[in-house]
Amino acid sequence: MRPALAVGLVFSGCCSNVVFLELLAREFPGCGNIVTFAQFLFIAVEGFIFEANFGRKRPAIPIRYYLIMVAMFFTVSVVNNYALNLNIAMPLHMIFRSGSLIASMVLGVIILKKRYSVSKYTSIALVSVGIFICTLMSAKQVASKSSLSEEDGLHVFMWWLLGIAALTFALLMSARMGIFQETIYKQFGKHSKEALFYNHALPLPGFLLLAPNIYTHAVLFSQSEPFQVPGIGLTLPIMWFYLVMNVITQYVCIRGVFTLTTECTSLTVTLVVTLRKFVSLIFSILYFQNPFTTWHWLGTLFVFVGTLMYTEVWNSLGPLLARHRTEAKEE
């Protein structure tokens, strides 16, 4: 029952989280900082109560290691959300972040001196080609969209390039953080709940640097049209409602993934997360009517096929289906 519940939490939480993020970003593209701060604050408070036991529980991993991890995690979160303010469409944002396998492999080869099979390199090549196609097609859309003047078009395109650079930086930083976590967990053991708490609690003072931007968007959110929450009759500005729902669904998403990792194999987790990303992408294209050409679909296909190849799904699904058939016959 718990795996089924976890899958339900991942799909309901993560997919709806993307929807509320896009609703926020469409109205105020620069709201990434207030969204990140709200998510960090909520998870930190929850972790302080239920994981850290109001500060009475000592961490299993020394704080100095968390400080390094937190610096990377904070940077990745802020840069990823801020990229939406740099003419990056949500579908491209999702596809680009699916390229984490590329960054992980590159840094694994450079830092950990890992070696991979031909099939792994092939899958990474597919993901790379897919992201390149989607990025190239999005670049053409950005260039053609700004038809006001040549100068305006160049200005918009340069901001878009900066957004791509930001996403690339965040991708590499996230992969480096993954390698650092892998090293720490080998030394001290896995403590996922504890890491979740400290990764969100320790960066909170860093948001003081972003306080002016956060305050500005808080004021803008308060000036948005009033919205009556169904069921409870509470009326609040609609942007605050979107933010609250984004934070709640983010928490549901994280808890779902965490439960999935404890109940299922890494293969199942990767399959569920990959499928969830695809569903989110489809919903974003259809519901928000984001521009998506045949080339975008081709690039997306490459990304997802490459991801599934990397996890060797094809080799694992055969025996799994055969086992299910045998069990069904026995029943």
C-alpha atoms as a PDB file:
ATOM      1  CA  MET A   1       0.000   0.000   0.000  1.00  0.00           C
ATOM      2  CA  ARG A   2       2.801   2.411   0.903  1.00  0.00           C
ATOM      3  CA  PRO A   3       4.483   2.255  -2.552  1.00  0.00           C
ATOM      4  CA  ALA A   4       1.124   2.964  -4.222  1.00  0.00           C
ATOM      5  CA  LEU A   5       0.566   5.862  -1.814  1.00  0.00           C
ATOM      6  CA  ALA A   6       4.078   7.175  -2.532  1.00  0.00           C
ATOM      7  CA  VAL A   7       3.477   7.076  -6.298  1.00  0.00           C
ATOM      8  CA  GLY A   8       0.200   8.938  -5.757  1.00  0.00           C
ATOM      9  CA  LEU A   9       1.977  11.580  -3.652  1.00  0.00           C
ATOM     10  CA  VAL A  10       4.701  12.037  -6.287  1.00  0.00           C
ATOM     11  CA  PHE A  11       2.239  12.520  -9.142  1.00  0.00           C
ATOM     12  CA  SER A  12      -0.266  14.663  -7.247  1.00  0.00           C
ATOM     13  CA  GLY A  13       2.343  16.714  -5.385  1.00  0.00           C
ATOM     14  CA  CYS A  14       5.027  17.206  -8.039  1.00  0.00           C
ATOM     15  CA  CYS A  15       2.671  17.736 -10.996  1.00  0.00           C
ATOM     16  CA  SER A  16       0.463  20.245  -9.169  1.00  0.00           C
ATOM     17  CA  ASN A  17       3.579  21.961  -7.807  1.00  0.00           C
ATOM     18  CA  VAL A  18       4.744  22.694 -11.366  1.00  0.00           C
ATOM     19  CA  VAL A  19       1.288  24.059 -12.214  1.00  0.00           C
ATOM     20  CA  PHE A  20       1.277  26.511  -9.286  1.00  0.00           C
ATOM     21  CA  LEU A  21       4.874  27.537 -10.046  1.00  0.00           C
ATOM     22  CA  GLU A  22       3.913  28.348 -13.637  1.00  0.00           C
ATOM     23  CA  LEU A  23       0.843  30.302 -12.465  1.00  0.00           C
ATOM     24  CA  LEU A  24       3.150  32.388 -10.261  1.00  0.00           C
ATOM     25  CA  ALA A  25       5.886  32.821 -12.862  1.00  0.00           C
ATOM     26  CA  ARG A  26       3.466  33.841 -15.617  1.00  0.00           C
ATOM     27  CA  GLU A  27       2.161  36.721 -13.538  1.00  0.00           C
ATOM     28  CA  PHE A  28       5.496  37.722 -11.956  1.00  0.00           C
ATOM     29  CA  PRO A  29       8.485  36.118 -13.744  1.00  0.00           C
ATOM     30  CA  GLY A  30      10.899  37.439 -11.096  1.00  0.00           C
ATOM     31  CA  CYS A  31       9.130  35.808  -8.137  1.00  0.00           C
ATOM     32  CA  GLY A  32      11.618  32.923  -7.879  1.00  0.00           C
ATOM     33  CA  ASN A  33      13.224  34.227  -4.683  1.00  0.00           C
ATOM     34  CA  ILE A  34      10.022  34.507  -2.664  1.00  0.00           C
ATOM     35  CA  VAL A  35       8.940  31.048  -3.879  1.00  0.00           C
ATOM     36  CA  THR A  36      12.286  29.514  -2.880  1.00  0.00           C
ATOM     37  CA  PHE A  37      12.219  31.267   0.512  1.00  0.00           C
ATOM     38  CA  ALA A  38       8.671  30.079   1.277  1.00  0.00           C
ATOM     39  CA  GLN A  39       9.546  26.478   0.361  1.00  0.00           C
ATOM     40  CA  PHE A  40      12.718  26.501   2.465  1.00  0.00           C
ATOM     41  CA  LEU A  41      10.966  28.083   5.457  1.00  0.00           C
ATOM     42  CA  PHE A  42       8.089  25.588   5.473  1.00  0.00           C
ATOM     43  CA  ILE A  43      10.324  22.494   5.207  1.00  0.00           C
ATOM     44  CA  ALA A  44      12.758  23.918   7.803  1.00  0.00           C
ATOM     45  CA  VAL A  45       9.976  24.534  10.342  1.00  0.00           C
ATOM     46  CA  GLU A  46       8.495  21.077   9.750  1.00  0.00           C
ATOM     47  CA  GLY A  47      11.930  19.465  10.107  1.00  0.00           C
ATOM     48  CA  PHE A  48      12.763  21.459  13.251  1.00  0.00           C
ATOM     49  CA  ILE A  49       9.613  20.085  14.934  1.00  0.00           C
ATOM     50  CA  PHE A  50       9.501  16.482  13.709  1.00  0.00           C
ATOM     51  CA  GLU A  51      13.126  15.651  12.782  1.00  0.00           C
ATOM     52  CA  ALA A  52      15.351  17.828  14.991  1.00  0.00           C
ATOM     53  CA  ASN A  53      12.905  17.563  17.926  1.00  0.00           C
ATOM     54  CA  PHE A  54      13.061  21.342  18.546  1.00  0.00           C
ATOM     55  CA  GLY A  55      16.869  21.287  18.374  1.00  0.00           C
ATOM     56  CA  ARG A  56      17.333  18.533  20.976  1.00  0.00           C
ATOM     57  CA  LYS A  57      18.437  15.839  18.502  1.00  0.00           C
ATOM     58  CA  ARG A  58      22.111  15.885  17.540  1.00  0.00           C
ATOM     59  CA  PRO A  59      22.870  15.483  13.814  1.00  0.00           C
ATOM     60  CA  ALA A  60      24.413  12.191  12.712  1.00  0.00           C
ATOM     61  CA  ILE A  61      26.489  14.030  10.096  1.00  0.00           C
ATOM     62  CA  PRO A  62      28.728  16.896  11.370  1.00  0.00           C
ATOM     63  CA  ILE A  63      27.379  20.378  10.654  1.00  0.00           C
ATOM     64  CA  ARG A  64      30.543  21.405   8.746  1.00  0.00           C
ATOM     65  CA  TYR A  65      29.641  18.937   5.991  1.00  0.00           C
ATOM     66  CA  TYR A  66      26.099  20.255   5.854  1.00  0.00           C
ATOM     67  CA  LEU A  67      27.401  23.809   5.468  1.00  0.00           C
ATOM     68  CA  ILE A  68      29.226  22.813   2.264  1.00  0.00           C
ATOM     69  CA  MET A  69      26.188  20.886   0.991  1.00  0.00           C
ATOM     70  CA  VAL A  70      23.883  23.774   1.885  1.00  0.00           C
ATOM     71  CA  ALA A  71      25.959  26.334  -0.002  1.00  0.00           C
ATOM     72  CA  MET A  72      25.553  24.254  -3.158  1.00  0.00           C
ATOM     73  CA  PHE A  73      21.874  23.410  -2.562  1.00  0.00           C
ATOM     74  CA  PHE A  74      20.942  27.036  -1.858  1.00  0.00           C
ATOM     75  CA  THR A  75      22.735  28.211  -5.003  1.00  0.00           C
ATOM     76  CA  VAL A  76      21.065  25.561  -7.195  1.00  0.00           C
ATOM     77  CA  SER A  77      17.575  26.330  -5.859  1.00  0.00           C
ATOM     78  CA  VAL A  78      17.875  30.106  -6.243  1.00  0.00           C
ATOM     79  CA  VAL A  79      19.458  29.935  -9.723  1.00  0.00           C
ATOM     80  CA  ASN A  80      16.895  27.409 -11.019  1.00  0.00           C
ATOM     81  CA  ASN A  81      13.936  29.517  -9.902  1.00  0.00           C
ATOM     82  CA  TYR A  82      15.510  32.781 -11.046  1.00  0.00           C
ATOM     83  CA  ALA A  83      16.063  31.353 -14.543  1.00  0.00           C
ATOM     84  CA  LEU A  84      12.302  31.716 -15.115  1.00  0.00           C
ATOM     85  CA  ASN A  85      12.887  35.486 -15.060  1.00  0.00           C
ATOM     86  CA  LEU A  86      15.303  35.209 -17.997  1.00  0.00           C
ATOM     87  CA  ASN A  87      12.867  34.366 -20.834  1.00  0.00           C
ATOM     88  CA  ILE A  88      13.047  30.634 -20.102  1.00  0.00           C
ATOM     89  CA  ALA A  89       9.721  28.908 -20.842  1.00  0.00           C
ATOM     90  CA  MET A  90       8.527  26.297 -18.348  1.00  0.00           C
ATOM     91  CA  PRO A  91       8.696  23.340 -20.811  1.00  0.00           C
ATOM     92  CA  LEU A  92      12.343  24.166 -21.660  1.00  0.00           C
ATOM     93  CA  HIS A  93      13.027  24.617 -17.932  1.00  0.00           C
ATOM     94  CA  MET A  94      11.732  21.074 -17.248  1.00  0.00           C
ATOM     95  CA  ILE A  95      13.542  19.487 -20.211  1.00  0.00           C
ATOM     96  CA  PHE A  96      16.824  21.190 -19.388  1.00  0.00           C
ATOM     97  CA  ARG A  97      16.701  20.033 -15.769  1.00  0.00           C
ATOM     98  CA  SER A  98      16.155  16.478 -17.029  1.00  0.00           C
ATOM     99  CA  GLY A  99      19.748  16.664 -18.272  1.00  0.00           C
ATOM    100  CA  SER A 100      21.109  15.992 -14.774  1.00  0.00           C
ATOM    101  CA  LEU A 101      22.365  12.597 -15.999  1.00  0.00           C
ATOM    102  CA  ILE A 102      24.785  14.362 -18.364  1.00  0.00           C
ATOM    103  CA  ALA A 103      26.253  16.527 -15.614  1.00  0.00           C
ATOM    104  CA  SER A 104      26.461  13.569 -13.199  1.00  0.00           C
ATOM    105  CA  MET A 105      28.323  11.442 -15.727  1.00  0.00           C
ATOM    106  CA  VAL A 106      30.748  14.195 -16.751  1.00  0.00           C
ATOM    107  CA  LEU A 107      31.645  15.068 -13.157  1.00  0.00           C
ATOM    108  CA  GLY A 108      31.717  11.368 -12.204  1.00  0.00           C
ATOM    109  CA  VAL A 109      34.366  10.750 -14.867  1.00  0.00           C
ATOM    110  CA  ILE A 110      36.379  13.864 -13.918  1.00  0.00           C
ATOM    111  CA  ILE A 111      36.147  13.739 -10.106  1.00  0.00           C
ATOM    112  CA  LEU A 112      35.465  10.100  -9.185  1.00  0.00           C
ATOM    113  CA  LYS A 113      37.373   8.633 -12.180  1.00  0.00           C
ATOM    114  CA  LYS A 114      34.364   6.452 -13.025  1.00  0.00           C
ATOM    115  CA  ARG A 115      34.063   4.472 -16.233  1.00  0.00           C
ATOM    116  CA  TYR A 116      30.774   3.677 -17.942  1.00  0.00           C
ATOM    117  CA  SER A 117      29.546   1.151 -20.500  1.00  0.00           C
ATOM    118  CA  VAL A 118      28.888   1.969 -24.149  1.00  0.00           C
ATOM    119  CA  SER A 119      25.118   1.888 -23.528  1.00  0.00           C
ATOM    120  CA  LYS A 120      25.485   4.537 -20.798  1.00  0.00           C
ATOM    121  CA  TYR A 121      27.433   6.838 -23.126  1.00  0.00           C
ATOM    122  CA  THR A 122      24.834   6.225 -25.864  1.00  0.00           C
ATOM    123  CA  SER A 123      21.980   7.158 -23.534  1.00  0.00           C
ATOM    124  CA  ILE A 124      23.767  10.331 -22.456  1.00  0.00           C
ATOM    125  CA  ALA A 125      24.354  11.224 -26.113  1.00  0.00           C
ATOM    126  CA  LEU A 126      20.591  10.867 -26.745  1.00  0.00           C
ATOM    127  CA  VAL A 127      19.776  13.129 -23.782  1.00  0.00           C
ATOM    128  CA  SER A 128      22.348  15.682 -24.968  1.00  0.00           C
ATOM    129  CA  VAL A 129      20.957  15.721 -28.518  1.00  0.00           C
ATOM    130  CA  GLY A 130      17.415  16.046 -27.186  1.00  0.00           C
ATOM    131  CA  ILE A 131      18.264  19.020 -24.970  1.00  0.00           C
ATOM    132  CA  PHE A 132      20.236  20.628 -27.819  1.00  0.00           C
ATOM    133  CA  ILE A 133      17.245  20.321 -30.198  1.00  0.00           C
ATOM    134  CA  CYS A 134      14.806  21.787 -27.660  1.00  0.00           C
ATOM    135  CA  THR A 135      17.205  24.599 -26.771  1.00  0.00           C
ATOM    136  CA  LEU A 136      17.867  25.463 -30.428  1.00  0.00           C
ATOM    137  CA  MET A 137      14.147  25.539 -31.275  1.00  0.00           C
ATOM    138  CA  SER A 138      13.430  27.684 -28.207  1.00  0.00           C
ATOM    139  CA  ALA A 139      16.194  30.069 -29.260  1.00  0.00           C
ATOM    140  CA  LYS A 140      14.502  30.518 -32.652  1.00  0.00           C
ATOM    141  CA  GLN A 141      11.174  31.206 -30.927  1.00  0.00           C
ATOM    142  CA  VAL A 142      12.756  33.828 -28.670  1.00  0.00           C
ATOM    143  CA  ALA A 143      14.399  35.519 -31.647  1.00  0.00           C
ATOM    144  CA  SER A 144      11.205  35.555 -33.743  1.00  0.00           C
ATOM    145  CA  LYS A 145       8.970  36.598 -30.847  1.00  0.00           C
ATOM    146  CA  SER A 146      10.683  39.928 -30.325  1.00  0.00           C
ATOM    147  CA  SER A 147       9.740  41.610 -33.616  1.00  0.00           C
ATOM    148  CA  LEU A 148       9.624  45.125 -32.171  1.00  0.00           C
ATOM    149  CA  SER A 149      13.068  46.055 -33.404  1.00  0.00           C
ATOM    150  CA  GLU A 150      16.438  44.457 -34.016  1.00  0.00           C
ATOM    151  CA  GLU A 151      17.826  46.039 -30.851  1.00  0.00           C
ATOM    152  CA  ASP A 152      14.942  44.745 -28.714  1.00  0.00           C
ATOM    153  CA  GLY A 153      15.269  41.308 -30.278  1.00  0.00           C
ATOM    154  CA  LEU A 154      18.975  41.162 -29.432  1.00  0.00           C
ATOM    155  CA  HIS A 155      18.251  42.321 -25.874  1.00  0.00           C
ATOM    156  CA  VAL A 156      15.636  39.591 -25.299  1.00  0.00           C
ATOM    157  CA  PHE A 157      17.879  36.945 -26.863  1.00  0.00           C
ATOM    158  CA  MET A 158      20.857  37.911 -24.658  1.00  0.00           C
ATOM    159  CA  TRP A 159      18.691  37.547 -21.530  1.00  0.00           C
ATOM    160  CA  TRP A 160      17.583  34.132 -22.817  1.00  0.00           C
ATOM    161  CA  LEU A 161      21.233  33.093 -23.288  1.00  0.00           C
ATOM    162  CA  LEU A 162      21.904  34.186 -19.714  1.00  0.00           C
ATOM    163  CA  GLY A 163      18.988  31.978 -18.620  1.00  0.00           C
ATOM    164  CA  ILE A 164      20.495  28.991 -20.460  1.00  0.00           C
ATOM    165  CA  ALA A 165      23.855  29.709 -18.810  1.00  0.00           C
ATOM    166  CA  ALA A 166      22.127  29.842 -15.398  1.00  0.00           C
ATOM    167  CA  LEU A 167      20.397  26.487 -15.979  1.00  0.00           C
ATOM    168  CA  THR A 168      23.688  24.925 -17.139  1.00  0.00           C
ATOM    169  CA  PHE A 169      25.489  26.220 -14.052  1.00  0.00           C
ATOM    170  CA  ALA A 170      22.712  24.898 -11.778  1.00  0.00           C
ATOM    171  CA  LEU A 171      22.838  21.516 -13.526  1.00  0.00           C
ATOM    172  CA  LEU A 172      26.597  21.146 -12.939  1.00  0.00           C
ATOM    173  CA  MET A 173      26.365  22.431  -9.369  1.00  0.00           C
ATOM    174  CA  SER A 174      23.544  19.980  -8.618  1.00  0.00           C
ATOM    175  CA  ALA A 175      25.624  17.095  -9.986  1.00  0.00           C
ATOM    176  CA  ARG A 176      28.599  18.191  -7.872  1.00  0.00           C
ATOM    177  CA  MET A 177      26.340  18.276  -4.823  1.00  0.00           C
ATOM    178  CA  GLY A 178      25.179  14.735  -5.627  1.00  0.00           C
ATOM    179  CA  ILE A 179      28.770  13.493  -5.712  1.00  0.00           C
ATOM    180  CA  PHE A 180      29.495  15.271  -2.407  1.00  0.00           C
ATOM    181  CA  GLN A 181      26.394  13.656  -0.831  1.00  0.00           C
ATOM    182  CA  GLU A 182      27.444  10.252  -2.122  1.00  0.00           C
ATOM    183  CA  THR A 183      30.846  10.665  -0.449  1.00  0.00           C
ATOM    184  CA  ILE A 184      29.324  11.843   2.852  1.00  0.00           C
ATOM    185  CA  TYR A 185      26.718   9.062   2.959  1.00  0.00           C
ATOM    186  CA  LYS A 186      29.427   6.437   2.430  1.00  0.00           C
ATOM    187  CA  GLN A 187      31.253   7.817   5.467  1.00  0.00           C
ATOM    188  CA  PHE A 188      28.338   8.479   7.854  1.00  0.00           C
ATOM    189  CA  GLY A 189      25.436   6.475   6.429  1.00  0.00           C
ATOM    190  CA  LYS A 190      22.221   7.733   4.828  1.00  0.00           C
ATOM    191  CA  HIS A 191      20.158  10.185   6.869  1.00  0.00           C
ATOM    192  CA  SER A 192      17.701  11.549   4.302  1.00  0.00           C
ATOM    193  CA  LYS A 193      15.266  13.266   6.699  1.00  0.00           C
ATOM    194  CA  GLU A 194      18.095  14.927   8.570  1.00  0.00           C
ATOM    195  CA  ALA A 195      19.714  16.102   5.328  1.00  0.00           C
ATOM    196  CA  LEU A 196      16.364  17.453   4.123  1.00  0.00           C
ATOM    197  CA  PHE A 197      16.001  19.529   7.300  1.00  0.00           C
ATOM    198  CA  TYR A 198      19.531  20.968   7.401  1.00  0.00           C
ATOM    199  CA  ASN A 199      19.602  21.631   3.661  1.00  0.00           C
ATOM    200  CA  HIS A 200      16.553  23.867   4.095  1.00  0.00           C
ATOM    201  CA  ALA A 201      17.183  25.343   7.566  1.00  0.00           C
ATOM    202  CA  LEU A 202      20.828  26.416   7.326  1.00  0.00           C
ATOM    203  CA  PRO A 203      20.419  28.536   4.150  1.00  0.00           C
ATOM    204  CA  LEU A 204      17.613  30.686   5.648  1.00  0.00           C
ATOM    205  CA  PRO A 205      19.980  33.528   6.740  1.00  0.00           C
ATOM    206  CA  GLY A 206      21.190  33.701   3.126  1.00  0.00           C
ATOM    207  CA  PHE A 207      17.786  34.995   2.082  1.00  0.00           C
ATOM    208  CA  LEU A 208      18.596  38.268   3.878  1.00  0.00           C
ATOM    209  CA  LEU A 209      20.687  39.079   0.799  1.00  0.00           C
ATOM    210  CA  LEU A 210      17.512  38.697  -1.279  1.00  0.00           C
ATOM    211  CA  ALA A 211      15.232  40.489   1.204  1.00  0.00           C
ATOM    212  CA  PRO A 212      14.498  43.565  -0.993  1.00  0.00           C
ATOM    213  CA  ASN A 213      13.393  41.370  -3.896  1.00  0.00           C
ATOM    214  CA  ILE A 214      11.337  39.115  -1.606  1.00  0.00           C
ATOM    215  CA  TYR A 215       9.632  42.127   0.015  1.00  0.00           C
ATOM    216  CA  THR A 216       8.857  43.711  -3.376  1.00  0.00           C
ATOM    217  CA  HIS A 217       7.120  40.566  -4.577  1.00  0.00           C
ATOM    218  CA  ALA A 218       5.301  40.148  -1.259  1.00  0.00           C
ATOM    219  CA  VAL A 219       3.799  43.608  -1.830  1.00  0.00           C
ATOM    220  CA  LEU A 220       2.920  42.728  -5.437  1.00  0.00           C
ATOM    221  CA  PHE A 221       1.311  39.474  -4.284  1.00  0.00           C
ATOM    222  CA  SER A 222      -0.792  41.397  -1.736  1.00  0.00           C
ATOM    223  CA  GLN A 223      -2.032  43.696  -4.496  1.00  0.00           C
ATOM    224  CA  SER A 224      -3.295  40.822  -6.672  1.00  0.00           C
ATOM    225  CA  GLU A 225      -7.015  40.172  -7.089  1.00  0.00           C
ATOM    226  CA  PRO A 226      -8.858  38.597  -4.106  1.00  0.00           C
ATOM    227  CA  PHE A 227      -9.672  34.901  -4.251  1.00  0.00           C
ATOM    228  CA  GLN A 228     -12.070  32.899  -2.091  1.00  0.00           C
ATOM    229  CA  VAL A 229     -10.583  29.520  -1.162  1.00  0.00           C
ATOM    230  CA  PRO A 230     -13.119  26.788  -1.989  1.00  0.00           C
ATOM    231  CA  GLY A 231     -14.464  24.878   0.965  1.00  0.00           C
ATOM    232  CA  ILE A 232     -13.277  27.155   3.766  1.00  0.00           C
ATOM    233  CA  GLY A 233     -14.576  30.514   2.523  1.00  0.00           C
ATOM    234  CA  LEU A 234     -11.291  32.312   3.315  1.00  0.00           C
ATOM    235  CA  THR A 235     -10.519  35.254   1.009  1.00  0.00           C
ATOM    236  CA  LEU A 236      -6.925  36.199   0.226  1.00  0.00           C
ATOM    237  CA  PRO A 237      -4.966  37.617  -2.726  1.00  0.00           C
ATOM    238  CA  ILE A 238      -4.813  34.972  -5.437  1.00  0.00           C
ATOM    239  CA  MET A 239      -0.999  35.089  -5.736  1.00  0.00           C
ATOM    240  CA  TRP A 240      -0.661  34.255  -2.028  1.00  0.00           C
ATOM    241  CA  PHE A 241      -3.023  31.331  -2.592  1.00  0.00           C
ATOM    242  CA  TYR A 242      -0.839  30.104  -5.459  1.00  0.00           C
ATOM    243  CA  LEU A 243       2.270  30.454  -3.271  1.00  0.00           C
ATOM    244  CA  VAL A 244       0.736  28.563  -0.343  1.00  0.00           C
ATOM    245  CA  MET A 245      -0.376  25.775  -2.662  1.00  0.00           C
ATOM    246  CA  ASN A 246       3.065  25.685  -4.302  1.00  0.00           C
ATOM    247  CA  VAL A 247       4.718  25.264  -0.902  1.00  0.00           C
ATOM    248  CA  ILE A 248       2.277  22.552   0.238  1.00  0.00           C
ATOM    249  CA  THR A 249       2.547  20.590  -3.005  1.00  0.00           C
ATOM    250  CA  GLN A 250       6.351  20.916  -2.905  1.00  0.00           C
ATOM    251  CA  TYR A 251       6.315  19.301   0.534  1.00  0.00           C
ATOM    252  CA  VAL A 252       3.952  16.540  -0.664  1.00  0.00           C
ATOM    253  CA  CYS A 253       6.256  15.954  -3.650  1.00  0.00           C
ATOM    254  CA  ILE A 254       9.394  15.696  -1.490  1.00  0.00           C
ATOM    255  CA  ARG A 255       7.720  13.375   1.022  1.00  0.00           C
ATOM    256  CA  GLY A 256       6.436  11.217  -1.828  1.00  0.00           C
ATOM    257  CA  VAL A 257       9.883  10.843  -3.374  1.00  0.00           C
ATOM    258  CA  PHE A 258      11.407  10.134   0.057  1.00  0.00           C
ATOM    259  CA  THR A 259       8.819   7.410   0.785  1.00  0.00           C
ATOM    260  CA  LEU A 260       9.369   5.963  -2.685  1.00  0.00           C
ATOM    261  CA  THR A 261      13.146   5.706  -2.128  1.00  0.00           C
ATOM    262  CA  THR A 262      12.602   3.786   1.125  1.00  0.00           C
ATOM    263  CA  GLU A 263       9.928   1.436  -0.269  1.00  0.00           C
ATOM    264  CA  CYS A 264      11.059   0.780  -3.862  1.00  0.00           C
ATOM    265  CA  THR A 265      14.185   0.117  -5.893  1.00  0.00           C
ATOM    266  CA  SER A 266      16.135   2.975  -7.477  1.00  0.00           C
ATOM    267  CA  LEU A 267      14.882   1.758 -10.872  1.00  0.00           C
ATOM    268  CA  THR A 268      11.250   2.198  -9.806  1.00  0.00           C
ATOM    269  CA  VAL A 269      12.016   5.636  -8.387  1.00  0.00           C
ATOM    270  CA  THR A 270      13.665   6.747 -11.635  1.00  0.00           C
ATOM    271  CA  LEU A 271      10.758   5.401 -13.699  1.00  0.00           C
ATOM    272  CA  VAL A 272       8.147   7.174 -11.565  1.00  0.00           C
ATOM    273  CA  VAL A 273      10.053  10.475 -11.501  1.00  0.00           C
ATOM    274  CA  THR A 274      10.720  10.359 -15.265  1.00  0.00           C
ATOM    275  CA  LEU A 275       7.070   9.606 -16.021  1.00  0.00           C
ATOM    276  CA  ARG A 276       6.009  12.385 -13.648  1.00  0.00           C
ATOM    277  CA  LYS A 277       8.211  14.881 -15.514  1.00  0.00           C
ATOM    278  CA  PHE A 278       6.659  13.808 -18.806  1.00  0.00           C
ATOM    279  CA  VAL A 279       3.109  14.251 -17.439  1.00  0.00           C
ATOM    280  CA  SER A 280       4.044  17.708 -16.093  1.00  0.00           C
ATOM    281  CA  LEU A 281       5.492  18.650 -19.466  1.00  0.00           C
ATOM    282  CA  ILE A 282       2.371  17.539 -21.352  1.00  0.00           C
ATOM    283  CA  PHE A 283       0.106  19.407 -18.933  1.00  0.00           C
ATOM    284  CA  SER A 284       2.199  22.580 -19.195  1.00  0.00           C
ATOM    285  CA  ILE A 285       2.004  22.478 -23.002  1.00  0.00           C
ATOM    286  CA  LEU A 286      -1.717  21.745 -23.218  1.00  0.00           C
ATOM    287  CA  TYR A 287      -3.138  23.743 -20.287  1.00  0.00           C
ATOM    288  CA  PHE A 288      -0.893  26.811 -20.522  1.00  0.00           C
ATOM    289  CA  GLN A 289      -0.634  26.563 -24.323  1.00  0.00           C
ATOM    290  CA  ASN A 290       3.137  26.897 -24.299  1.00  0.00           C
ATOM    291  CA  PRO A 291       4.607  26.815 -27.821  1.00  0.00           C
ATOM    292  CA  PHE A 292       5.882  23.334 -28.622  1.00  0.00           C
ATOM    293  CA  THR A 293       6.833  22.314 -32.156  1.00  0.00           C
ATOM    294  CA  THR A 294       7.444  18.905 -33.731  1.00  0.00           C
ATOM    295  CA  TRP A 295      11.163  19.471 -33.134  1.00  0.00           C
ATOM    296  CA  HIS A 296      10.473  20.035 -29.438  1.00  0.00           C
ATOM    297  CA  TRP A 297       8.602  16.721 -29.303  1.00  0.00           C
ATOM    298  CA  LEU A 298      11.514  14.975 -31.031  1.00  0.00           C
ATOM    299  CA  GLY A 299      13.974  16.478 -28.539  1.00  0.00           C
ATOM    300  CA  THR A 300      11.732  15.479 -25.630  1.00  0.00           C
ATOM    301  CA  LEU A 301      11.542  11.898 -26.962  1.00  0.00           C
ATOM    302  CA  PHE A 302      15.349  11.734 -27.110  1.00  0.00           C
ATOM    303  CA  VAL A 303      15.639  13.002 -23.515  1.00  0.00           C
ATOM    304  CA  PHE A 304      13.190  10.493 -22.054  1.00  0.00           C
ATOM    305  CA  VAL A 305      14.386   7.508 -24.107  1.00  0.00           C
ATOM    306  CA  GLY A 306      17.973   8.343 -23.136  1.00  0.00           C
ATOM    307  CA  THR A 307      16.990   8.573 -19.464  1.00  0.00           C
ATOM    308  CA  LEU A 308      15.236   5.193 -19.553  1.00  0.00           C
ATOM    309  CA  MET A 309      18.198   3.634 -21.399  1.00  0.00           C
ATOM    310  CA  TYR A 310      20.561   4.939 -18.720  1.00  0.00           C
ATOM    311  CA  THR A 311      18.543   3.227 -15.973  1.00  0.00           C
ATOM    312  CA  GLU A 312      18.525  -0.007 -18.043  1.00  0.00           C
ATOM    313  CA  VAL A 313      14.762  -0.228 -17.806  1.00  0.00           C
ATOM    314  CA  TRP A 314      14.530  -2.450 -20.863  1.00  0.00           C
ATOM    315  CA  ASN A 315      16.747  -5.101 -19.215  1.00  0.00           C
ATOM    316  CA  SER A 316      14.786  -5.014 -15.969  1.00  0.00           C
ATOM    317  CA  LEU A 317      11.207  -4.861 -17.208  1.00  0.00           C
ATOM    318  CA  GLY A 318      11.341  -8.268 -18.935  1.00  0.00           C
ATOM    319  CA  PRO A 319      12.119 -10.364 -15.815  1.00  0.00           C
ATOM    320  CA  LEU A 320       9.767  -8.189 -13.747  1.00  0.00           C
ATOM    321  CA  LEU A 321       6.815  -8.799 -16.101  1.00  0.00           C
ATOM    322  CA  ALA A 322       7.653 -12.508 -16.294  1.00  0.00           C
ATOM    323  CA  ARG A 323       7.623 -12.758 -12.498  1.00  0.00           C
ATOM    324  CA  HIS A 324       4.237 -11.035 -12.332  1.00  0.00           C
ATOM    325  CA  ARG A 325       2.822 -13.451 -14.915  1.00  0.00           C
ATOM    326  CA  THR A 326       4.106 -16.434 -12.900  1.00  0.00           C
ATOM    327  CA  GLU A 327       2.617 -15.084  -9.689  1.00  0.00           C
ATOM    328  CA  ALA A 328      -0.722 -14.475 -11.440  1.00  0.00           C
ATOM    329  CA  LYS A 329      -0.813 -18.078 -12.729  1.00  0.00           C
ATOM    330  CA  GLU A 330      -0.035 -19.452  -9.255  1.00  0.00           C
ATOM    331  CA  GLU A 331      -2.942 -17.479  -7.798  1.00  0.00           C
END
